[in-house]
Amino acid sequence: MRVMRFLIVPVLACAAGAAIAQVSVDATITGEVVPGVYGHVVIGNRPPPPVVYAQPVVVQPAPVVYGAPPVEPVYLHVPPGHAKHWRQHCHEYHACNRPVYFVKSAEYEPGYHRHDHDHDRDHDHDHGHHDD
C-alpha cells in the first residue's frame, strides 16, 4: 500500500502539470457548464443554454449537398479567448465546418478572475504585444 501512495503522487503531479500547460477540449458536458471544463455541451430535452453570440459562428461552411439536411449547430463551451479567436482554435474542437454556439459560463462575465493565470495565453493576443 505504501508503494502505491508514492507512485500515485508523482503521476498526479505530472498530470496536473500537463493540465496547466494546455486546455483540454475532450469533455462532453451533460450537466451544468462550469469554468475550466471545455467541450461539447449536450442539450438533450432541456432548453438551449445562454450563449455568447446570438448567431452561430461558422469558420468554413460545409459543402451543400442537394437533398441532404442542413448541418445542425453544435453547442460548445470554450475558453473566452478561443471564442474570440475561433478561426485559430476551431480545429481543436473538430468544428471548423460546423455552426457553433458558444455556451456562456462565469468565465464570460465581467470581473471574472481565473485562479490559474498560466492558462491566460490569449491575454497577450488581445493587446497585440508580449511582455517577453
N, C-alpha and C. Protein backbone atom coordinates (compact mmCIF):
# COMPACT_ATOMS: atom_id res chain seq x y z
N MET A 1 0.82 -1.19 0.00
CA MET A 1 0.00 0.00 0.00
C MET A 1 0.87 1.26 0.00
N ARG A 2 1.95 1.24 0.74
CA ARG A 2 2.83 2.40 0.82
C ARG A 2 3.48 2.68 -0.53
N VAL A 3 3.83 1.65 -1.29
CA VAL A 3 4.43 1.81 -2.61
C VAL A 3 3.44 2.51 -3.54
N MET A 4 2.18 2.12 -3.50
CA MET A 4 1.16 2.72 -4.35
C MET A 4 1.04 4.22 -4.09
N ARG A 5 1.11 4.62 -2.84
CA ARG A 5 0.97 6.02 -2.49
C ARG A 5 2.11 6.83 -3.12
N PHE A 6 3.31 6.31 -3.13
CA PHE A 6 4.44 7.03 -3.70
C PHE A 6 4.36 7.09 -5.22
N LEU A 7 3.78 6.09 -5.82
CA LEU A 7 3.63 6.09 -7.28
C LEU A 7 2.53 7.03 -7.73
N ILE A 8 1.47 7.12 -6.98
CA ILE A 8 0.33 7.94 -7.36
C ILE A 8 0.67 9.43 -7.29
N VAL A 9 1.39 9.85 -6.29
CA VAL A 9 1.71 11.27 -6.13
C VAL A 9 2.48 11.81 -7.33
N PRO A 10 3.59 11.16 -7.78
CA PRO A 10 4.27 11.69 -8.97
C PRO A 10 3.41 11.67 -10.22
N VAL A 11 2.59 10.65 -10.38
CA VAL A 11 1.71 10.59 -11.54
C VAL A 11 0.71 11.73 -11.50
N LEU A 12 0.12 11.99 -10.34
CA LEU A 12 -0.82 13.09 -10.22
C LEU A 12 -0.13 14.42 -10.45
N ALA A 13 1.08 14.58 -9.97
CA ALA A 13 1.83 15.82 -10.18
C ALA A 13 2.10 16.04 -11.66
N CYS A 14 2.47 14.99 -12.37
CA CYS A 14 2.70 15.10 -13.82
C CYS A 14 1.41 15.45 -14.55
N ALA A 15 0.32 14.82 -14.16
CA ALA A 15 -0.97 15.10 -14.79
C ALA A 15 -1.39 16.53 -14.54
N ALA A 16 -1.17 17.04 -13.34
CA ALA A 16 -1.53 18.43 -13.03
C ALA A 16 -0.68 19.38 -13.85
N GLY A 17 0.60 19.08 -14.01
CA GLY A 17 1.47 19.92 -14.83
C GLY A 17 1.04 19.94 -16.27
N ALA A 18 0.62 18.80 -16.79
CA ALA A 18 0.15 18.73 -18.17
C ALA A 18 -1.15 19.52 -18.33
N ALA A 19 -2.01 19.47 -17.33
CA ALA A 19 -3.27 20.21 -17.41
C ALA A 19 -3.03 21.71 -17.43
N ILE A 20 -2.02 22.17 -16.72
CA ILE A 20 -1.72 23.59 -16.70
C ILE A 20 -1.16 24.03 -18.04
N ALA A 21 -0.44 23.17 -18.71
CA ALA A 21 0.23 23.53 -19.95
C ALA A 21 -0.72 23.65 -21.14
N GLN A 22 -1.87 23.00 -21.10
CA GLN A 22 -2.77 23.05 -22.24
C GLN A 22 -4.21 22.98 -21.80
N VAL A 23 -5.10 23.38 -22.67
CA VAL A 23 -6.53 23.33 -22.40
C VAL A 23 -7.07 22.05 -22.99
N SER A 24 -7.78 21.27 -22.20
CA SER A 24 -8.38 20.03 -22.69
C SER A 24 -9.75 20.34 -23.27
N VAL A 25 -10.00 19.84 -24.47
CA VAL A 25 -11.26 20.13 -25.15
C VAL A 25 -12.05 18.86 -25.41
N ASP A 26 -11.75 17.80 -24.71
CA ASP A 26 -12.35 16.50 -24.99
C ASP A 26 -13.64 16.20 -24.22
N ALA A 27 -14.06 17.07 -23.34
CA ALA A 27 -15.19 16.77 -22.48
C ALA A 27 -16.51 16.82 -23.24
N THR A 28 -17.43 15.96 -22.83
CA THR A 28 -18.82 16.05 -23.24
C THR A 28 -19.58 16.45 -22.00
N ILE A 29 -20.18 17.62 -22.03
CA ILE A 29 -20.82 18.18 -20.84
C ILE A 29 -22.31 17.92 -20.92
N THR A 30 -22.83 17.21 -19.93
CA THR A 30 -24.26 16.90 -19.92
C THR A 30 -24.99 17.61 -18.79
N GLY A 31 -24.26 18.21 -17.90
CA GLY A 31 -24.87 18.92 -16.77
C GLY A 31 -24.55 20.39 -16.83
N GLU A 32 -24.32 20.97 -15.67
CA GLU A 32 -24.03 22.40 -15.56
C GLU A 32 -22.68 22.73 -16.22
N VAL A 33 -22.64 23.81 -16.95
CA VAL A 33 -21.42 24.28 -17.59
C VAL A 33 -20.66 25.11 -16.56
N VAL A 34 -19.39 24.74 -16.32
CA VAL A 34 -18.59 25.42 -15.32
C VAL A 34 -17.25 25.85 -15.93
N PRO A 35 -16.65 26.91 -15.39
CA PRO A 35 -15.34 27.34 -15.89
C PRO A 35 -14.31 26.22 -15.78
N GLY A 36 -13.45 26.13 -16.80
CA GLY A 36 -12.37 25.15 -16.78
C GLY A 36 -12.72 23.81 -17.39
N VAL A 37 -13.99 23.54 -17.68
CA VAL A 37 -14.40 22.29 -18.33
C VAL A 37 -14.88 22.67 -19.71
N TYR A 38 -14.18 22.19 -20.74
CA TYR A 38 -14.46 22.62 -22.10
C TYR A 38 -14.79 21.45 -23.01
N GLY A 39 -15.71 21.68 -23.93
CA GLY A 39 -16.06 20.67 -24.90
C GLY A 39 -17.48 20.82 -25.37
N HIS A 40 -18.01 19.74 -25.91
CA HIS A 40 -19.36 19.68 -26.48
C HIS A 40 -20.39 19.66 -25.36
N VAL A 41 -21.40 20.52 -25.47
CA VAL A 41 -22.47 20.59 -24.48
C VAL A 41 -23.69 19.88 -25.05
N VAL A 42 -24.13 18.83 -24.36
CA VAL A 42 -25.29 18.06 -24.79
C VAL A 42 -26.54 18.71 -24.20
N ILE A 43 -27.43 19.14 -25.07
CA ILE A 43 -28.63 19.85 -24.64
C ILE A 43 -29.73 18.86 -24.21
N GLY A 44 -29.90 17.80 -24.98
CA GLY A 44 -30.96 16.84 -24.67
C GLY A 44 -32.33 17.51 -24.81
N ASN A 45 -33.21 17.28 -23.85
CA ASN A 45 -34.56 17.84 -23.87
C ASN A 45 -34.65 19.20 -23.20
N ARG A 46 -33.54 19.69 -22.68
CA ARG A 46 -33.55 20.97 -21.99
C ARG A 46 -33.56 22.12 -23.00
N PRO A 47 -33.99 23.31 -22.55
CA PRO A 47 -33.92 24.47 -23.45
C PRO A 47 -32.46 24.84 -23.69
N PRO A 48 -32.16 25.49 -24.81
CA PRO A 48 -30.77 25.88 -25.07
C PRO A 48 -30.21 26.76 -23.95
N PRO A 49 -28.94 26.59 -23.64
CA PRO A 49 -28.32 27.40 -22.58
C PRO A 49 -28.03 28.81 -23.08
N PRO A 50 -27.69 29.73 -22.18
CA PRO A 50 -27.28 31.07 -22.63
C PRO A 50 -26.03 30.97 -23.49
N VAL A 51 -25.99 31.75 -24.56
CA VAL A 51 -24.87 31.70 -25.49
C VAL A 51 -24.19 33.07 -25.58
N VAL A 52 -22.94 33.06 -26.04
CA VAL A 52 -22.14 34.27 -26.13
C VAL A 52 -22.64 35.16 -27.28
N TYR A 53 -22.87 34.57 -28.44
CA TYR A 53 -23.35 35.31 -29.62
C TYR A 53 -24.71 34.78 -30.01
N ALA A 54 -25.59 35.67 -30.47
CA ALA A 54 -26.95 35.26 -30.83
C ALA A 54 -26.98 34.33 -32.04
N GLN A 55 -26.04 34.50 -32.96
CA GLN A 55 -25.98 33.67 -34.16
C GLN A 55 -24.80 32.70 -34.05
N PRO A 56 -24.95 31.49 -34.62
CA PRO A 56 -23.81 30.55 -34.59
C PRO A 56 -22.66 31.07 -35.44
N VAL A 57 -21.45 30.69 -35.05
CA VAL A 57 -20.25 31.10 -35.77
C VAL A 57 -19.81 29.95 -36.67
N VAL A 58 -19.48 30.26 -37.93
CA VAL A 58 -19.00 29.25 -38.88
C VAL A 58 -17.72 29.79 -39.50
N VAL A 59 -16.64 29.04 -39.39
CA VAL A 59 -15.37 29.45 -39.98
C VAL A 59 -15.33 29.06 -41.45
N GLN A 60 -15.69 27.82 -41.75
CA GLN A 60 -15.63 27.29 -43.11
C GLN A 60 -16.94 26.53 -43.34
N PRO A 61 -17.88 27.11 -44.11
CA PRO A 61 -19.16 26.43 -44.31
C PRO A 61 -18.97 25.04 -44.93
N ALA A 62 -19.79 24.10 -44.47
CA ALA A 62 -19.76 22.75 -45.02
C ALA A 62 -20.31 22.79 -46.44
N PRO A 63 -19.83 21.90 -47.32
CA PRO A 63 -20.37 21.86 -48.68
C PRO A 63 -21.87 21.55 -48.65
N VAL A 64 -22.59 22.20 -49.53
CA VAL A 64 -24.03 21.97 -49.62
C VAL A 64 -24.27 20.77 -50.53
N VAL A 65 -25.01 19.80 -50.00
CA VAL A 65 -25.35 18.60 -50.77
C VAL A 65 -26.86 18.63 -50.99
N TYR A 66 -27.24 18.63 -52.27
CA TYR A 66 -28.66 18.70 -52.61
C TYR A 66 -29.41 17.52 -51.97
N GLY A 67 -30.49 17.84 -51.28
CA GLY A 67 -31.33 16.81 -50.66
C GLY A 67 -30.88 16.42 -49.25
N ALA A 68 -29.69 16.82 -48.86
CA ALA A 68 -29.20 16.49 -47.51
C ALA A 68 -29.72 17.53 -46.52
N PRO A 69 -29.97 17.12 -45.30
CA PRO A 69 -30.43 18.10 -44.29
C PRO A 69 -29.30 19.10 -44.00
N PRO A 70 -29.65 20.31 -43.59
CA PRO A 70 -28.60 21.28 -43.25
C PRO A 70 -27.80 20.81 -42.04
N VAL A 71 -26.57 21.27 -41.95
CA VAL A 71 -25.71 20.91 -40.83
C VAL A 71 -26.25 21.57 -39.57
N GLU A 72 -26.52 20.77 -38.55
CA GLU A 72 -27.06 21.28 -37.29
C GLU A 72 -25.94 21.97 -36.50
N PRO A 73 -26.27 23.06 -35.82
CA PRO A 73 -25.25 23.70 -34.99
C PRO A 73 -24.93 22.86 -33.75
N VAL A 74 -23.72 23.05 -33.24
CA VAL A 74 -23.32 22.39 -32.01
C VAL A 74 -23.14 23.46 -30.93
N TYR A 75 -23.30 23.04 -29.70
CA TYR A 75 -23.08 23.92 -28.56
C TYR A 75 -21.75 23.51 -27.93
N LEU A 76 -20.85 24.47 -27.82
CA LEU A 76 -19.54 24.21 -27.23
C LEU A 76 -19.27 25.18 -26.10
N HIS A 77 -18.63 24.68 -25.06
CA HIS A 77 -18.10 25.56 -24.02
C HIS A 77 -16.61 25.62 -24.24
N VAL A 78 -16.11 26.83 -24.51
CA VAL A 78 -14.70 27.04 -24.80
C VAL A 78 -14.20 28.21 -23.96
N PRO A 79 -12.89 28.32 -23.73
CA PRO A 79 -12.38 29.50 -23.04
C PRO A 79 -12.71 30.76 -23.84
N PRO A 80 -12.93 31.89 -23.17
CA PRO A 80 -13.29 33.11 -23.89
C PRO A 80 -12.31 33.48 -25.01
N GLY A 81 -11.03 33.26 -24.84
CA GLY A 81 -10.06 33.56 -25.89
C GLY A 81 -10.24 32.68 -27.12
N HIS A 82 -10.71 31.45 -26.92
CA HIS A 82 -10.96 30.56 -28.06
C HIS A 82 -12.17 31.05 -28.85
N ALA A 83 -13.21 31.49 -28.14
CA ALA A 83 -14.39 32.01 -28.84
C ALA A 83 -14.03 33.28 -29.61
N LYS A 84 -13.25 34.14 -28.99
CA LYS A 84 -12.87 35.40 -29.61
C LYS A 84 -12.01 35.19 -30.86
N HIS A 85 -11.14 34.19 -30.82
CA HIS A 85 -10.24 33.88 -31.94
C HIS A 85 -10.58 32.49 -32.49
N TRP A 86 -11.86 32.25 -32.79
CA TRP A 86 -12.36 30.94 -33.15
C TRP A 86 -11.64 30.35 -34.36
N ARG A 87 -11.31 31.16 -35.35
CA ARG A 87 -10.65 30.68 -36.55
C ARG A 87 -9.34 29.96 -36.19
N GLN A 88 -8.66 30.39 -35.15
CA GLN A 88 -7.39 29.79 -34.74
C GLN A 88 -7.59 28.53 -33.90
N HIS A 89 -8.79 28.32 -33.34
CA HIS A 89 -8.99 27.22 -32.40
C HIS A 89 -10.03 26.18 -32.84
N CYS A 90 -10.79 26.46 -33.90
CA CYS A 90 -11.89 25.55 -34.26
C CYS A 90 -11.42 24.13 -34.54
N HIS A 91 -10.21 23.97 -35.08
CA HIS A 91 -9.70 22.62 -35.39
C HIS A 91 -9.51 21.78 -34.13
N GLU A 92 -9.24 22.42 -33.00
CA GLU A 92 -9.06 21.68 -31.74
C GLU A 92 -10.37 21.00 -31.31
N TYR A 93 -11.48 21.54 -31.76
CA TYR A 93 -12.80 21.03 -31.40
C TYR A 93 -13.46 20.28 -32.57
N HIS A 94 -12.74 20.14 -33.69
CA HIS A 94 -13.26 19.50 -34.90
C HIS A 94 -14.57 20.16 -35.32
N ALA A 95 -14.57 21.50 -35.33
CA ALA A 95 -15.80 22.23 -35.61
C ALA A 95 -15.61 23.40 -36.57
N CYS A 96 -14.59 23.36 -37.41
CA CYS A 96 -14.37 24.47 -38.35
C CYS A 96 -15.48 24.56 -39.39
N ASN A 97 -16.07 23.43 -39.75
CA ASN A 97 -17.11 23.43 -40.77
C ASN A 97 -18.51 23.22 -40.19
N ARG A 98 -18.66 23.54 -38.91
CA ARG A 98 -19.96 23.40 -38.24
C ARG A 98 -20.39 24.75 -37.69
N PRO A 99 -21.68 25.06 -37.71
CA PRO A 99 -22.14 26.24 -36.99
C PRO A 99 -22.01 25.97 -35.49
N VAL A 100 -21.44 26.92 -34.76
CA VAL A 100 -21.16 26.72 -33.33
C VAL A 100 -21.78 27.84 -32.51
N TYR A 101 -22.51 27.43 -31.48
CA TYR A 101 -22.96 28.35 -30.44
C TYR A 101 -22.00 28.18 -29.27
N PHE A 102 -21.45 29.28 -28.77
CA PHE A 102 -20.57 29.23 -27.61
C PHE A 102 -21.40 29.42 -26.36
N VAL A 103 -21.37 28.42 -25.48
CA VAL A 103 -22.16 28.44 -24.26
C VAL A 103 -21.46 29.31 -23.21
N LYS A 104 -22.23 30.21 -22.60
CA LYS A 104 -21.70 31.10 -21.57
C LYS A 104 -21.50 30.36 -20.25
N SER A 105 -20.47 30.79 -19.53
CA SER A 105 -20.28 30.37 -18.14
C SER A 105 -19.79 31.60 -17.40
N ALA A 106 -19.46 31.44 -16.14
CA ALA A 106 -18.98 32.56 -15.33
C ALA A 106 -17.73 33.20 -15.95
N GLU A 107 -16.95 32.45 -16.72
CA GLU A 107 -15.73 32.99 -17.34
C GLU A 107 -16.02 34.17 -18.25
N TYR A 108 -17.21 34.24 -18.78
CA TYR A 108 -17.56 35.30 -19.73
C TYR A 108 -18.10 36.55 -19.03
N GLU A 109 -18.25 36.50 -17.74
CA GLU A 109 -18.79 37.64 -17.00
C GLU A 109 -17.70 38.66 -16.72
N PRO A 110 -18.02 39.95 -16.80
CA PRO A 110 -17.03 40.99 -16.46
C PRO A 110 -16.56 40.81 -15.02
N GLY A 111 -15.30 40.98 -14.82
CA GLY A 111 -14.74 40.88 -13.48
C GLY A 111 -14.37 39.47 -13.04
N TYR A 112 -14.63 38.47 -13.89
CA TYR A 112 -14.26 37.10 -13.53
C TYR A 112 -12.74 36.99 -13.54
N HIS A 113 -12.18 36.40 -12.50
CA HIS A 113 -10.73 36.21 -12.42
C HIS A 113 -10.43 34.73 -12.32
N ARG A 114 -9.58 34.27 -13.20
CA ARG A 114 -9.16 32.88 -13.16
C ARG A 114 -8.23 32.69 -11.99
N HIS A 115 -8.29 31.51 -11.40
CA HIS A 115 -7.37 31.18 -10.31
C HIS A 115 -6.02 30.78 -10.86
N ASP A 116 -6.01 30.30 -12.11
CA ASP A 116 -4.77 29.83 -12.73
C ASP A 116 -4.46 30.74 -13.90
N HIS A 117 -3.56 31.70 -13.72
CA HIS A 117 -3.24 32.67 -14.76
C HIS A 117 -2.34 32.08 -15.83
N ASP A 118 -1.78 30.90 -15.65
CA ASP A 118 -0.92 30.29 -16.65
C ASP A 118 -1.69 29.95 -17.92
N HIS A 119 -3.00 29.75 -17.81
CA HIS A 119 -3.81 29.41 -18.98
C HIS A 119 -4.16 30.63 -19.79
N ASP A 120 -3.96 31.81 -19.28
CA ASP A 120 -4.44 33.02 -19.90
C ASP A 120 -3.50 33.48 -21.02
N ARG A 121 -3.22 32.61 -21.98
CA ARG A 121 -2.33 32.93 -23.09
C ARG A 121 -2.95 33.92 -24.04
N ASP A 122 -4.27 33.91 -24.17
CA ASP A 122 -4.92 34.80 -25.12
C ASP A 122 -4.88 36.26 -24.67
N HIS A 123 -4.53 36.51 -23.42
CA HIS A 123 -4.44 37.87 -22.90
C HIS A 123 -3.46 38.69 -23.73
N ASP A 124 -2.30 38.11 -24.08
CA ASP A 124 -1.31 38.83 -24.88
C ASP A 124 -1.84 39.13 -26.26
N HIS A 125 -2.64 38.23 -26.84
CA HIS A 125 -3.17 38.44 -28.17
C HIS A 125 -4.17 39.60 -28.17
N ASP A 126 -4.89 39.79 -27.06
CA ASP A 126 -5.88 40.84 -27.01
C ASP A 126 -5.25 42.23 -27.09
N HIS A 127 -4.01 42.36 -26.62
CA HIS A 127 -3.37 43.65 -26.59
C HIS A 127 -2.31 43.83 -27.67
N GLY A 128 -2.03 42.77 -28.43
CA GLY A 128 -1.11 42.87 -29.54
C GLY A 128 0.34 42.98 -29.15
N HIS A 129 0.71 42.61 -27.94
CA HIS A 129 2.11 42.65 -27.55
C HIS A 129 2.41 41.55 -26.54
N HIS A 130 3.68 41.29 -26.37
CA HIS A 130 4.12 40.29 -25.41
C HIS A 130 5.06 40.96 -24.43
N ASP A 131 5.11 40.45 -23.22
CA ASP A 131 5.97 41.00 -22.19
C ASP A 131 7.30 40.29 -22.11
N ASP A 132 7.67 39.53 -23.16
CA ASP A 132 8.93 38.75 -23.15
C ASP A 132 10.13 39.65 -23.06
